[in-house]
Amino acid sequence: MGLENAQILALRALAHVLYDGRSRDALLVQTGLEAADLRQHASRTDFLAGILTFLLDDDRRARDFCTTESVDPAELRQAHAVLSGHARSEEAGP
């Protein structure tokens, strides 16, 4: 999976989380962000990796997302690996 597809999947995951009030509230508590802040962070690779981490850390949330969005759980893990690796390389710099 390429970076662009991983980002698209993570944005779908973010929309899913925001639609589910319980997950949305848990995300906001965990990140310390306000709902209004999410849009500006959604373009950051590390934030998108964090959204997938948030899903993968809870079996119910991950299962609900994969079922609702018809996503193979392996694809979710692969997108997480791509985004996490890219975020680490951005932190390391040139």
C-alpha atoms as a PDB file:
ATOM      1  CA  MET A   1       0.000   0.000   0.000  1.00  0.00           C
ATOM      2  CA  GLY A   2       1.268   3.432  -0.910  1.00  0.00           C
ATOM      3  CA  LEU A   3       1.255   6.551   1.200  1.00  0.00           C
ATOM      4  CA  GLU A   4      -1.699   8.150  -0.598  1.00  0.00           C
ATOM      5  CA  ASN A   5      -3.931   5.090  -0.144  1.00  0.00           C
ATOM      6  CA  ALA A   6      -2.924   4.863   3.519  1.00  0.00           C
ATOM      7  CA  GLN A   7      -3.832   8.518   4.001  1.00  0.00           C
ATOM      8  CA  ILE A   8      -7.210   8.017   2.325  1.00  0.00           C
ATOM      9  CA  LEU A   9      -7.953   5.025   4.539  1.00  0.00           C
ATOM     10  CA  ALA A  10      -6.974   7.014   7.631  1.00  0.00           C
ATOM     11  CA  LEU A  11      -9.256   9.883   6.605  1.00  0.00           C
ATOM     12  CA  ARG A  12     -12.097   7.389   6.196  1.00  0.00           C
ATOM     13  CA  ALA A  13     -11.254   6.102   9.673  1.00  0.00           C
ATOM     14  CA  LEU A  14     -11.332   9.636  11.069  1.00  0.00           C
ATOM     15  CA  ALA A  15     -14.768  10.242   9.536  1.00  0.00           C
ATOM     16  CA  HIS A  16     -15.977   6.970  11.016  1.00  0.00           C
ATOM     17  CA  VAL A  17     -14.682   7.865  14.470  1.00  0.00           C
ATOM     18  CA  LEU A  18     -16.252  11.318  14.326  1.00  0.00           C
ATOM     19  CA  TYR A  19     -19.610   9.850  13.307  1.00  0.00           C
ATOM     20  CA  ASP A  20     -19.661   7.572  16.365  1.00  0.00           C
ATOM     21  CA  GLY A  21     -20.209   9.849  19.376  1.00  0.00           C
ATOM     22  CA  ARG A  22     -18.623   7.480  21.892  1.00  0.00           C
ATOM     23  CA  SER A  23     -15.490   6.999  19.771  1.00  0.00           C
ATOM     24  CA  ARG A  24     -15.323  10.713  18.978  1.00  0.00           C
ATOM     25  CA  ASP A  25     -15.437  11.627  22.653  1.00  0.00           C
ATOM     26  CA  ALA A  26     -12.765   9.042  23.484  1.00  0.00           C
ATOM     27  CA  LEU A  27     -10.513  10.386  20.691  1.00  0.00           C
ATOM     28  CA  LEU A  28     -10.862  13.964  21.900  1.00  0.00           C
ATOM     29  CA  VAL A  29     -10.067  12.954  25.478  1.00  0.00           C
ATOM     30  CA  GLN A  30      -7.095  10.825  24.398  1.00  0.00           C
ATOM     31  CA  THR A  31      -5.592  13.497  22.116  1.00  0.00           C
ATOM     32  CA  GLY A  32      -6.512  16.532  24.199  1.00  0.00           C
ATOM     33  CA  LEU A  33      -7.756  18.213  21.022  1.00  0.00           C
ATOM     34  CA  GLU A  34     -10.977  20.125  20.535  1.00  0.00           C
ATOM     35  CA  ALA A  35     -13.296  19.056  17.726  1.00  0.00           C
ATOM     36  CA  ALA A  36     -12.479  22.290  15.882  1.00  0.00           C
ATOM     37  CA  ASP A  37      -8.759  21.384  15.872  1.00  0.00           C
ATOM     38  CA  LEU A  38      -9.202  18.110  13.985  1.00  0.00           C
ATOM     39  CA  ARG A  39      -9.419  19.656  10.521  1.00  0.00           C
ATOM     40  CA  GLN A  40      -6.015  21.346  10.770  1.00  0.00           C
ATOM     41  CA  HIS A  41      -4.379  18.141  12.047  1.00  0.00           C
ATOM     42  CA  ALA A  42      -5.988  15.862   9.441  1.00  0.00           C
ATOM     43  CA  SER A  43      -3.292  16.661   6.865  1.00  0.00           C
ATOM     44  CA  ARG A  44      -0.461  15.520   9.154  1.00  0.00           C
ATOM     45  CA  THR A  45       0.870  12.019   8.593  1.00  0.00           C
ATOM     46  CA  ASP A  46       1.617  11.496  12.284  1.00  0.00           C
ATOM     47  CA  PHE A  47      -1.943  12.466  13.201  1.00  0.00           C
ATOM     48  CA  LEU A  48      -3.377  10.066  10.622  1.00  0.00           C
ATOM     49  CA  ALA A  49      -1.140   7.296  11.971  1.00  0.00           C
ATOM     50  CA  GLY A  50      -2.486   8.151  15.427  1.00  0.00           C
ATOM     51  CA  ILE A  51      -6.076   7.790  14.208  1.00  0.00           C
ATOM     52  CA  LEU A  52      -5.301   4.272  13.017  1.00  0.00           C
ATOM     53  CA  THR A  53      -3.523   3.523  16.297  1.00  0.00           C
ATOM     54  CA  PHE A  54      -6.649   4.715  18.113  1.00  0.00           C
ATOM     55  CA  LEU A  55      -8.756   2.245  16.117  1.00  0.00           C
ATOM     56  CA  LEU A  56      -6.314  -0.639  16.392  1.00  0.00           C
ATOM     57  CA  ASP A  57      -5.953  -0.212  20.157  1.00  0.00           C
ATOM     58  CA  ASP A  58      -9.602  -1.165  20.630  1.00  0.00           C
ATOM     59  CA  ASP A  59     -10.868  -4.355  19.004  1.00  0.00           C
ATOM     60  CA  ARG A  60     -14.475  -3.149  18.967  1.00  0.00           C
ATOM     61  CA  ARG A  61     -13.619   0.134  17.249  1.00  0.00           C
ATOM     62  CA  ALA A  62     -11.387  -1.597  14.700  1.00  0.00           C
ATOM     63  CA  ARG A  63     -13.991  -4.265  13.994  1.00  0.00           C
ATOM     64  CA  ASP A  64     -16.787  -1.686  13.676  1.00  0.00           C
ATOM     65  CA  PHE A  65     -14.745   0.385  11.225  1.00  0.00           C
ATOM     66  CA  CYS A  66     -13.709  -2.593   9.125  1.00  0.00           C
ATOM     67  CA  THR A  67     -17.253  -3.952   8.997  1.00  0.00           C
ATOM     68  CA  THR A  68     -18.933  -0.627   8.256  1.00  0.00           C
ATOM     69  CA  GLU A  69     -16.375   0.470   5.663  1.00  0.00           C
ATOM     70  CA  SER A  70     -15.782  -3.006   4.153  1.00  0.00           C
ATOM     71  CA  VAL A  71     -12.079  -2.829   4.948  1.00  0.00           C
ATOM     72  CA  ASP A  72      -9.970  -5.925   5.488  1.00  0.00           C
ATOM     73  CA  PRO A  73      -8.342  -5.720   8.958  1.00  0.00           C
ATOM     74  CA  ALA A  74      -4.986  -6.536   7.341  1.00  0.00           C
ATOM     75  CA  GLU A  75      -5.398  -3.457   5.149  1.00  0.00           C
ATOM     76  CA  LEU A  76      -5.984  -1.339   8.255  1.00  0.00           C
ATOM     77  CA  ARG A  77      -2.776  -2.658   9.840  1.00  0.00           C
ATOM     78  CA  GLN A  78      -0.862  -2.126   6.595  1.00  0.00           C
ATOM     79  CA  ALA A  79      -2.026   1.490   6.324  1.00  0.00           C
ATOM     80  CA  HIS A  80      -0.960   2.041   9.919  1.00  0.00           C
ATOM     81  CA  ALA A  81       2.501   0.655   9.189  1.00  0.00           C
ATOM     82  CA  VAL A  82       2.880   2.863   6.106  1.00  0.00           C
ATOM     83  CA  LEU A  83       1.797   6.024   7.915  1.00  0.00           C
ATOM     84  CA  SER A  84       3.828   5.262  11.035  1.00  0.00           C
ATOM     85  CA  GLY A  85       6.957   4.622   8.973  1.00  0.00           C
ATOM     86  CA  HIS A  86       6.471   7.782   6.942  1.00  0.00           C
ATOM     87  CA  ALA A  87       5.902   9.881  10.070  1.00  0.00           C
ATOM     88  CA  ARG A  88       9.127   8.529  11.606  1.00  0.00           C
ATOM     89  CA  SER A  89      11.094   9.379   8.465  1.00  0.00           C
ATOM     90  CA  GLU A  90       9.646  12.928   8.516  1.00  0.00           C
ATOM     91  CA  GLU A  91      10.804  13.338  12.120  1.00  0.00           C
ATOM     92  CA  ALA A  92      14.315  12.173  11.242  1.00  0.00           C
ATOM     93  CA  GLY A  93      14.615  14.855   8.575  1.00  0.00           C
ATOM     94  CA  PRO A  94      17.062  14.903   5.644  1.00  0.00           C
END
